Amino acid sequence: MSDDLNETERPNPRKVREGLVVSDIQHKTAVVQVTDRVRHRKYSKTVQRSKKLHVHDETNEMQVGDRVRIQETRPISKLKRWRLVEILERAK
C-alpha cells in the first residue's frame, strides 16, 4: 500500500465516535465516555449503553466536560486505541 492514502480511500474506514470527557488527569491521555443507543433484540426498547475509551491527546487541550470527536487509530499504549479529532464544545 502507498503511504499517501487518506481516510476516504481506506478499504475499511476508521470508526469515529462523539463523547464526553470524564477524566483528564493523565499526561497526553483523556478518558471519554461514549453513549450509544441500541434497540433491545427481544423487547424492542431503546437502551443506552456507555463505554469509557482512552484517547490520545498530544497537546493536552481536552478538559473534563468537553464534547469531543474521536477516531480509531493504531494501538498507542496498553489501553489507548483512539485519538482526538476535534473538540466540538467546551465545558461551561
PDB file of N, CA and C in Angstrom:
ATOM      1  N   MET A   1       0.828  -1.190   0.000  1.00  0.00           N
ATOM      2  CA  MET A   1       0.000   0.000   0.000  1.00  0.00           C
ATOM      3  C   MET A   1       0.865   1.243   0.000  1.00  0.00           C
ATOM      4  N   SER A   2       0.370   2.286  -0.600  1.00  0.00           N
ATOM      5  CA  SER A   2       1.122   3.534  -0.624  1.00  0.00           C
ATOM      6  C   SER A   2       0.852   4.336   0.645  1.00  0.00           C
ATOM      7  N   ASP A   3       1.810   5.184   1.028  1.00  0.00           N
ATOM      8  CA  ASP A   3       1.701   5.966   2.250  1.00  0.00           C
ATOM      9  C   ASP A   3       0.805   7.187   2.089  1.00  0.00           C
ATOM     10  N   ASP A   4       0.434   7.563   0.869  1.00  0.00           N
ATOM     11  CA  ASP A   4      -0.340   8.780   0.664  1.00  0.00           C
ATOM     12  C   ASP A   4      -1.848   8.528   0.640  1.00  0.00           C
ATOM     13  N   LEU A   5      -2.293   7.378   1.168  1.00  0.00           N
ATOM     14  CA  LEU A   5      -3.732   7.120   1.251  1.00  0.00           C
ATOM     15  C   LEU A   5      -4.351   7.993   2.331  1.00  0.00           C
ATOM     16  N   ASN A   6      -5.451   8.632   2.019  1.00  0.00           N
ATOM     17  CA  ASN A   6      -6.146   9.379   3.069  1.00  0.00           C
ATOM     18  C   ASN A   6      -7.291   8.538   3.608  1.00  0.00           C
ATOM     19  N   GLU A   7      -8.037   9.067   4.572  1.00  0.00           N
ATOM     20  CA  GLU A   7      -9.036   8.297   5.298  1.00  0.00           C
ATOM     21  C   GLU A   7     -10.153   7.763   4.392  1.00  0.00           C
ATOM     22  N   THR A   8     -10.484   8.462   3.329  1.00  0.00           N
ATOM     23  CA  THR A   8     -11.600   8.029   2.482  1.00  0.00           C
ATOM     24  C   THR A   8     -11.226   6.867   1.577  1.00  0.00           C
ATOM     25  N   GLU A   9      -9.958   6.638   1.335  1.00  0.00           N
ATOM     26  CA  GLU A   9      -9.533   5.582   0.438  1.00  0.00           C
ATOM     27  C   GLU A   9      -9.226   4.273   1.144  1.00  0.00           C
ATOM     28  N   ARG A  10      -9.393   4.248   2.455  1.00  0.00           N
ATOM     29  CA  ARG A  10      -9.161   3.007   3.189  1.00  0.00           C
ATOM     30  C   ARG A  10     -10.255   2.001   2.857  1.00  0.00           C
ATOM     31  N   PRO A  11      -9.894   0.722   2.730  1.00  0.00           N
ATOM     32  CA  PRO A  11     -10.928  -0.279   2.441  1.00  0.00           C
ATOM     33  C   PRO A  11     -11.923  -0.431   3.591  1.00  0.00           C
ATOM     34  N   ASN A  12     -11.450  -0.239   4.818  1.00  0.00           N
ATOM     35  CA  ASN A  12     -12.312  -0.318   5.988  1.00  0.00           C
ATOM     36  C   ASN A  12     -12.121   0.966   6.791  1.00  0.00           C
ATOM     37  N   PRO A  13     -13.010   1.951   6.636  1.00  0.00           N
ATOM     38  CA  PRO A  13     -12.790   3.246   7.280  1.00  0.00           C
ATOM     39  C   PRO A  13     -12.742   3.142   8.808  1.00  0.00           C
ATOM     40  N   ARG A  14     -11.976   4.020   9.417  1.00  0.00           N
ATOM     41  CA  ARG A  14     -11.822   4.008  10.868  1.00  0.00           C
ATOM     42  C   ARG A  14     -13.080   4.519  11.554  1.00  0.00           C
ATOM     43  N   LYS A  15     -13.382   3.956  12.715  1.00  0.00           N
ATOM     44  CA  LYS A  15     -14.572   4.343  13.460  1.00  0.00           C
ATOM     45  C   LYS A  15     -14.404   5.759  14.015  1.00  0.00           C
ATOM     46  N   VAL A  16     -15.478   6.517  14.024  1.00  0.00           N
ATOM     47  CA  VAL A  16     -15.497   7.861  14.589  1.00  0.00           C
ATOM     48  C   VAL A  16     -16.627   7.898  15.610  1.00  0.00           C
ATOM     49  N   ARG A  17     -16.343   8.415  16.810  1.00  0.00           N
ATOM     50  CA  ARG A  17     -17.339   8.489  17.879  1.00  0.00           C
ATOM     51  C   ARG A  17     -17.342   9.892  18.477  1.00  0.00           C
ATOM     52  N   GLU A  18     -18.454  10.254  19.115  1.00  0.00           N
ATOM     53  CA  GLU A  18     -18.551  11.505  19.866  1.00  0.00           C
ATOM     54  C   GLU A  18     -18.819  11.150  21.313  1.00  0.00           C
ATOM     55  N   GLY A  19     -18.190  11.900  22.226  1.00  0.00           N
ATOM     56  CA  GLY A  19     -18.378  11.589  23.631  1.00  0.00           C
ATOM     57  C   GLY A  19     -18.037  12.750  24.527  1.00  0.00           C
ATOM     58  N   LEU A  20     -18.109  12.496  25.825  1.00  0.00           N
ATOM     59  CA  LEU A  20     -17.890  13.493  26.854  1.00  0.00           C
ATOM     60  C   LEU A  20     -16.633  13.125  27.643  1.00  0.00           C
ATOM     61  N   VAL A  21     -15.742  14.094  27.838  1.00  0.00           N
ATOM     62  CA  VAL A  21     -14.508  13.843  28.584  1.00  0.00           C
ATOM     63  C   VAL A  21     -14.852  13.723  30.067  1.00  0.00           C
ATOM     64  N   VAL A  22     -14.478  12.594  30.691  1.00  0.00           N
ATOM     65  CA  VAL A  22     -14.775  12.381  32.105  1.00  0.00           C
ATOM     66  C   VAL A  22     -13.523  12.444  32.969  1.00  0.00           C
ATOM     67  N   SER A  23     -12.323  12.370  32.355  1.00  0.00           N
ATOM     68  CA  SER A  23     -11.082  12.457  33.126  1.00  0.00           C
ATOM     69  C   SER A  23      -9.964  12.967  32.222  1.00  0.00           C
ATOM     70  N   ASP A  24      -9.157  13.904  32.767  1.00  0.00           N
ATOM     71  CA  ASP A  24      -8.009  14.420  32.018  1.00  0.00           C
ATOM     72  C   ASP A  24      -6.763  14.483  32.897  1.00  0.00           C
ATOM     73  N   ILE A  25      -6.714  13.643  33.913  1.00  0.00           N
ATOM     74  CA  ILE A  25      -5.618  13.672  34.879  1.00  0.00           C
ATOM     75  C   ILE A  25      -4.301  13.195  34.256  1.00  0.00           C
ATOM     76  N   GLN A  26      -4.377  12.187  33.391  1.00  0.00           N
ATOM     77  CA  GLN A  26      -3.163  11.614  32.821  1.00  0.00           C
ATOM     78  C   GLN A  26      -2.529  12.544  31.788  1.00  0.00           C
ATOM     79  N   HIS A  27      -1.224  12.416  31.622  1.00  0.00           N
ATOM     80  CA  HIS A  27      -0.482  13.240  30.671  1.00  0.00           C
ATOM     81  C   HIS A  27      -0.706  12.716  29.252  1.00  0.00           C
ATOM     82  N   LYS A  28      -1.174  13.580  28.338  1.00  0.00           N
ATOM     83  CA  LYS A  28      -1.441  13.258  26.932  1.00  0.00           C
ATOM     84  C   LYS A  28      -2.508  12.179  26.753  1.00  0.00           C
ATOM     85  N   THR A  29      -3.337  11.979  27.763  1.00  0.00           N
ATOM     86  CA  THR A  29      -4.403  10.986  27.700  1.00  0.00           C
ATOM     87  C   THR A  29      -5.651  11.535  28.378  1.00  0.00           C
ATOM     88  N   ALA A  30      -6.801  11.246  27.810  1.00  0.00           N
ATOM     89  CA  ALA A  30      -8.073  11.591  28.434  1.00  0.00           C
ATOM     90  C   ALA A  30      -8.993  10.385  28.333  1.00  0.00           C
ATOM     91  N   VAL A  31      -9.933  10.303  29.254  1.00  0.00           N
ATOM     92  CA  VAL A  31     -10.919   9.239  29.222  1.00  0.00           C
ATOM     93  C   VAL A  31     -12.227   9.851  28.739  1.00  0.00           C
ATOM     94  N   VAL A  32     -12.791   9.276  27.676  1.00  0.00           N
ATOM     95  CA  VAL A  32     -14.008   9.795  27.060  1.00  0.00           C
ATOM     96  C   VAL A  32     -15.107   8.751  27.187  1.00  0.00           C
ATOM     97  N   GLN A  33     -16.276   9.191  27.678  1.00  0.00           N
ATOM     98  CA  GLN A  33     -17.420   8.297  27.784  1.00  0.00           C
ATOM     99  C   GLN A  33     -18.287   8.463  26.543  1.00  0.00           C
ATOM    100  N   VAL A  34     -18.487   7.345  25.833  1.00  0.00           N
ATOM    101  CA  VAL A  34     -19.277   7.337  24.597  1.00  0.00           C
ATOM    102  C   VAL A  34     -20.575   6.590  24.882  1.00  0.00           C
ATOM    103  N   THR A  35     -21.705   7.210  24.544  1.00  0.00           N
ATOM    104  CA  THR A  35     -23.011   6.591  24.775  1.00  0.00           C
ATOM    105  C   THR A  35     -23.648   6.244  23.439  1.00  0.00           C
ATOM    106  N   ASP A  36     -24.060   4.993  23.309  1.00  0.00           N
ATOM    107  CA  ASP A  36     -24.731   4.518  22.099  1.00  0.00           C
ATOM    108  C   ASP A  36     -26.150   4.100  22.448  1.00  0.00           C
ATOM    109  N   ARG A  37     -27.079   4.399  21.542  1.00  0.00           N
ATOM    110  CA  ARG A  37     -28.452   3.938  21.704  1.00  0.00           C
ATOM    111  C   ARG A  37     -28.641   2.732  20.800  1.00  0.00           C
ATOM    112  N   VAL A  38     -29.058   1.619  21.391  1.00  0.00           N
ATOM    113  CA  VAL A  38     -29.282   0.399  20.628  1.00  0.00           C
ATOM    114  C   VAL A  38     -30.676  -0.131  20.929  1.00  0.00           C
ATOM    115  N   ARG A  39     -31.213  -0.864  19.990  1.00  0.00           N
ATOM    116  CA  ARG A  39     -32.533  -1.454  20.136  1.00  0.00           C
ATOM    117  C   ARG A  39     -32.381  -2.826  20.784  1.00  0.00           C
ATOM    118  N   HIS A  40     -33.140  -3.074  21.859  1.00  0.00           N
ATOM    119  CA  HIS A  40     -33.089  -4.377  22.505  1.00  0.00           C
ATOM    120  C   HIS A  40     -33.679  -5.428  21.564  1.00  0.00           C
ATOM    121  N   ARG A  41     -32.972  -6.536  21.393  1.00  0.00           N
ATOM    122  CA  ARG A  41     -33.395  -7.520  20.394  1.00  0.00           C
ATOM    123  C   ARG A  41     -34.733  -8.160  20.734  1.00  0.00           C
ATOM    124  N   LYS A  42     -34.947  -8.463  21.995  1.00  0.00           N
ATOM    125  CA  LYS A  42     -36.170  -9.158  22.373  1.00  0.00           C
ATOM    126  C   LYS A  42     -37.331  -8.200  22.617  1.00  0.00           C
ATOM    127  N   TYR A  43     -37.065  -7.116  23.356  1.00  0.00           N
ATOM    128  CA  TYR A  43     -38.149  -6.242  23.796  1.00  0.00           C
ATOM    129  C   TYR A  43     -38.342  -5.006  22.931  1.00  0.00           C
ATOM    130  N   SER A  44     -37.460  -4.785  21.973  1.00  0.00           N
ATOM    131  CA  SER A  44     -37.542  -3.650  21.045  1.00  0.00           C
ATOM    132  C   SER A  44     -37.532  -2.292  21.724  1.00  0.00           C
ATOM    133  N   LYS A  45     -37.076  -2.237  22.963  1.00  0.00           N
ATOM    134  CA  LYS A  45     -36.963  -0.963  23.670  1.00  0.00           C
ATOM    135  C   LYS A  45     -35.576  -0.376  23.411  1.00  0.00           C
ATOM    136  N   THR A  46     -35.485   0.939  23.305  1.00  0.00           N
ATOM    137  CA  THR A  46     -34.202   1.595  23.097  1.00  0.00           C
ATOM    138  C   THR A  46     -33.440   1.622  24.421  1.00  0.00           C
ATOM    139  N   VAL A  47     -32.203   1.139  24.388  1.00  0.00           N
ATOM    140  CA  VAL A  47     -31.365   1.054  25.584  1.00  0.00           C
ATOM    141  C   VAL A  47     -30.104   1.867  25.345  1.00  0.00           C
ATOM    142  N   GLN A  48     -29.671   2.606  26.366  1.00  0.00           N
ATOM    143  CA  GLN A  48     -28.418   3.354  26.255  1.00  0.00           C
ATOM    144  C   GLN A  48     -27.281   2.522  26.832  1.00  0.00           C
ATOM    145  N   ARG A  49     -26.217   2.390  26.048  1.00  0.00           N
ATOM    146  CA  ARG A  49     -25.021   1.685  26.517  1.00  0.00           C
ATOM    147  C   ARG A  49     -23.857   2.647  26.452  1.00  0.00           C
ATOM    148  N   SER A  50     -23.089   2.708  27.526  1.00  0.00           N
ATOM    149  CA  SER A  50     -21.948   3.624  27.530  1.00  0.00           C
ATOM    150  C   SER A  50     -20.658   2.845  27.718  1.00  0.00           C
ATOM    151  N   LYS A  51     -19.576   3.426  27.188  1.00  0.00           N
ATOM    152  CA  LYS A  51     -18.267   2.804  27.266  1.00  0.00           C
ATOM    153  C   LYS A  51     -17.241   3.907  27.469  1.00  0.00           C
ATOM    154  N   LYS A  52     -16.231   3.647  28.293  1.00  0.00           N
ATOM    155  CA  LYS A  52     -15.158   4.614  28.515  1.00  0.00           C
ATOM    156  C   LYS A  52     -13.963   4.225  27.658  1.00  0.00           C
ATOM    157  N   LEU A  53     -13.503   5.171  26.847  1.00  0.00           N
ATOM    158  CA  LEU A  53     -12.387   4.933  25.939  1.00  0.00           C
ATOM    159  C   LEU A  53     -11.220   5.845  26.306  1.00  0.00           C
ATOM    160  N   HIS A  54     -10.004   5.324  26.237  1.00  0.00           N
ATOM    161  CA  HIS A  54      -8.810   6.118  26.481  1.00  0.00           C
ATOM    162  C   HIS A  54      -8.364   6.742  25.162  1.00  0.00           C
ATOM    163  N   VAL A  55      -8.180   8.061  25.178  1.00  0.00           N
ATOM    164  CA  VAL A  55      -7.934   8.822  23.958  1.00  0.00           C
ATOM    165  C   VAL A  55      -6.596   9.541  24.047  1.00  0.00           C
ATOM    166  N   HIS A  56      -5.823   9.504  22.963  1.00  0.00           N
ATOM    167  CA  HIS A  56      -4.550  10.209  22.895  1.00  0.00           C
ATOM    168  C   HIS A  56      -4.802  11.682  22.591  1.00  0.00           C
ATOM    169  N   ASP A  57      -4.222  12.552  23.417  1.00  0.00           N
ATOM    170  CA  ASP A  57      -4.376  13.999  23.269  1.00  0.00           C
ATOM    171  C   ASP A  57      -2.982  14.620  23.336  1.00  0.00           C
ATOM    172  N   GLU A  58      -2.351  14.786  22.193  1.00  0.00           N
ATOM    173  CA  GLU A  58      -0.949  15.213  22.115  1.00  0.00           C
ATOM    174  C   GLU A  58      -0.699  16.547  22.804  1.00  0.00           C
ATOM    175  N   THR A  59      -1.627  17.486  22.720  1.00  0.00           N
ATOM    176  CA  THR A  59      -1.399  18.839  23.248  1.00  0.00           C
ATOM    177  C   THR A  59      -2.050  19.086  24.601  1.00  0.00           C
ATOM    178  N   ASN A  60      -2.663  18.062  25.198  1.00  0.00           N
ATOM    179  CA  ASN A  60      -3.340  18.199  26.497  1.00  0.00           C
ATOM    180  C   ASN A  60      -4.377  19.317  26.496  1.00  0.00           C
ATOM    181  N   GLU A  61      -5.161  19.438  25.418  1.00  0.00           N
ATOM    182  CA  GLU A  61      -6.146  20.512  25.342  1.00  0.00           C
ATOM    183  C   GLU A  61      -7.539  20.098  25.798  1.00  0.00           C
ATOM    184  N   MET A  62      -7.790  18.813  25.989  1.00  0.00           N
ATOM    185  CA  MET A  62      -9.107  18.366  26.457  1.00  0.00           C
ATOM    186  C   MET A  62      -9.255  18.634  27.947  1.00  0.00           C
ATOM    187  N   GLN A  63     -10.462  19.037  28.347  1.00  0.00           N
ATOM    188  CA  GLN A  63     -10.780  19.279  29.752  1.00  0.00           C
ATOM    189  C   GLN A  63     -12.048  18.512  30.101  1.00  0.00           C
ATOM    190  N   VAL A  64     -12.224  18.229  31.382  1.00  0.00           N
ATOM    191  CA  VAL A  64     -13.401  17.499  31.826  1.00  0.00           C
ATOM    192  C   VAL A  64     -14.655  18.273  31.435  1.00  0.00           C
ATOM    193  N   GLY A  65     -15.610  17.586  30.827  1.00  0.00           N
ATOM    194  CA  GLY A  65     -16.869  18.209  30.420  1.00  0.00           C
ATOM    195  C   GLY A  65     -16.934  18.580  28.954  1.00  0.00           C
ATOM    196  N   ASP A  66     -15.811  18.533  28.233  1.00  0.00           N
ATOM    197  CA  ASP A  66     -15.808  18.859  26.804  1.00  0.00           C
ATOM    198  C   ASP A  66     -16.500  17.758  25.997  1.00  0.00           C
ATOM    199  N   ARG A  67     -17.227  18.163  24.947  1.00  0.00           N
ATOM    200  CA  ARG A  67     -17.745  17.201  23.961  1.00  0.00           C
ATOM    201  C   ARG A  67     -16.718  17.108  22.848  1.00  0.00           C
ATOM    202  N   VAL A  68     -16.295  15.893  22.529  1.00  0.00           N
ATOM    203  CA  VAL A  68     -15.213  15.713  21.563  1.00  0.00           C
ATOM    204  C   VAL A  68     -15.578  14.668  20.521  1.00  0.00           C
ATOM    205  N   ARG A  69     -14.891  14.727  19.382  1.00  0.00           N
ATOM    206  CA  ARG A  69     -14.991  13.708  18.336  1.00  0.00           C
ATOM    207  C   ARG A  69     -13.665  12.969  18.324  1.00  0.00           C
ATOM    208  N   ILE A  70     -13.725  11.643  18.391  1.00  0.00           N
ATOM    209  CA  ILE A  70     -12.514  10.832  18.432  1.00  0.00           C
ATOM    210  C   ILE A  70     -12.544   9.829  17.283  1.00  0.00           C
ATOM    211  N   GLN A  71     -11.351   9.323  16.933  1.00  0.00           N
ATOM    212  CA  GLN A  71     -11.232   8.399  15.815  1.00  0.00           C
ATOM    213  C   GLN A  71     -10.331   7.235  16.205  1.00  0.00           C
ATOM    214  N   GLU A  72     -10.686   6.073  15.725  1.00  0.00           N
ATOM    215  CA  GLU A  72      -9.909   4.863  15.970  1.00  0.00           C
ATOM    216  C   GLU A  72      -8.528   5.001  15.325  1.00  0.00           C
ATOM    217  N   THR A  73      -7.504   4.447  15.971  1.00  0.00           N
ATOM    218  CA  THR A  73      -6.151   4.506  15.431  1.00  0.00           C
ATOM    219  C   THR A  73      -5.389   3.254  15.866  1.00  0.00           C
ATOM    220  N   ARG A  74      -4.145   3.173  15.462  1.00  0.00           N
ATOM    221  CA  ARG A  74      -3.327   2.023  15.857  1.00  0.00           C
ATOM    222  C   ARG A  74      -3.107   2.050  17.373  1.00  0.00           C
ATOM    223  N   PRO A  75      -2.785   0.924  17.988  1.00  0.00           N
ATOM    224  CA  PRO A  75      -2.543   0.930  19.432  1.00  0.00           C
ATOM    225  C   PRO A  75      -1.375   1.836  19.808  1.00  0.00           C
ATOM    226  N   ILE A  76      -1.622   2.758  20.719  1.00  0.00           N
ATOM    227  CA  ILE A  76      -0.594   3.691  21.170  1.00  0.00           C
ATOM    228  C   ILE A  76       0.000   3.213  22.491  1.00  0.00           C
ATOM    229  N   SER A  77      -0.827   2.594  23.328  1.00  0.00           N
ATOM    230  CA  SER A  77      -0.353   2.008  24.576  1.00  0.00           C
ATOM    231  C   SER A  77      -1.271   0.831  24.913  1.00  0.00           C
ATOM    232  N   LYS A  78      -1.181   0.345  26.131  1.00  0.00           N
ATOM    233  CA  LYS A  78      -1.973  -0.819  26.525  1.00  0.00           C
ATOM    234  C   LYS A  78      -3.473  -0.574  26.347  1.00  0.00           C
ATOM    235  N   LEU A  79      -3.949   0.619  26.696  1.00  0.00           N
ATOM    236  CA  LEU A  79      -5.375   0.913  26.633  1.00  0.00           C
ATOM    237  C   LEU A  79      -5.770   1.899  25.541  1.00  0.00           C
ATOM    238  N   LYS A  80      -4.826   2.694  25.039  1.00  0.00           N
ATOM    239  CA  LYS A  80      -5.162   3.752  24.083  1.00  0.00           C
ATOM    240  C   LYS A  80      -5.220   3.233  22.651  1.00  0.00           C
ATOM    241  N   ARG A  81      -6.420   3.324  22.055  1.00  0.00           N
ATOM    242  CA  ARG A  81      -6.624   2.950  20.658  1.00  0.00           C
ATOM    243  C   ARG A  81      -7.389   4.030  19.904  1.00  0.00           C
ATOM    244  N   TRP A  82      -7.546   5.200  20.507  1.00  0.00           N
ATOM    245  CA  TRP A  82      -8.320   6.301  19.931  1.00  0.00           C
ATOM    246  C   TRP A  82      -7.497   7.576  19.985  1.00  0.00           C
ATOM    247  N   ARG A  83      -7.782   8.515  19.074  1.00  0.00           N
ATOM    248  CA  ARG A  83      -7.106   9.807  19.084  1.00  0.00           C
ATOM    249  C   ARG A  83      -8.130  10.910  18.892  1.00  0.00           C
ATOM    250  N   LEU A  84      -7.777  12.092  19.358  1.00  0.00           N
ATOM    251  CA  LEU A  84      -8.661  13.254  19.276  1.00  0.00           C
ATOM    252  C   LEU A  84      -8.706  13.782  17.847  1.00  0.00           C
ATOM    253  N   VAL A  85      -9.904  14.020  17.324  1.00  0.00           N
ATOM    254  CA  VAL A  85     -10.079  14.630  16.011  1.00  0.00           C
ATOM    255  C   VAL A  85     -10.369  16.107  16.188  1.00  0.00           C
ATOM    256  N   GLU A  86     -11.390  16.434  17.010  1.00  0.00           N
ATOM    257  CA  GLU A  86     -11.719  17.835  17.262  1.00  0.00           C
ATOM    258  C   GLU A  86     -12.533  17.952  18.547  1.00  0.00           C
ATOM    259  N   ILE A  87     -12.491  19.147  19.102  1.00  0.00           N
ATOM    260  CA  ILE A  87     -13.314  19.473  20.263  1.00  0.00           C
ATOM    261  C   ILE A  87     -14.568  20.156  19.748  1.00  0.00           C
ATOM    262  N   LEU A  88     -15.716  19.550  19.981  1.00  0.00           N
ATOM    263  CA  LEU A  88     -16.968  20.079  19.458  1.00  0.00           C
ATOM    264  C   LEU A  88     -17.534  21.212  20.321  1.00  0.00           C
ATOM    265  N   GLU A  89     -17.428  21.033  21.651  1.00  0.00           N
ATOM    266  CA  GLU A  89     -17.998  22.017  22.563  1.00  0.00           C
ATOM    267  C   GLU A  89     -17.179  22.030  23.847  1.00  0.00           C
ATOM    268  N   ARG A  90     -16.813  23.208  24.292  1.00  0.00           N
ATOM    269  CA  ARG A  90     -16.044  23.346  25.530  1.00  0.00           C
ATOM    270  C   ARG A  90     -16.942  23.218  26.748  1.00  0.00           C
ATOM    271  N   ALA A  91     -16.384  22.798  27.870  1.00  0.00           N
ATOM    272  CA  ALA A  91     -17.126  22.703  29.115  1.00  0.00           C
ATOM    273  C   ALA A  91     -17.489  24.097  29.613  1.00  0.00           C
ATOM    274  N   LYS A  92     -18.625  24.205  30.259  1.00  0.00           N
ATOM    275  CA  LYS A  92     -19.066  25.514  30.752  1.00  0.00           C
ATOM    276  C   LYS A  92     -18.770  25.676  32.213  1.00  0.00           C
TER     277      LYS A  92
END
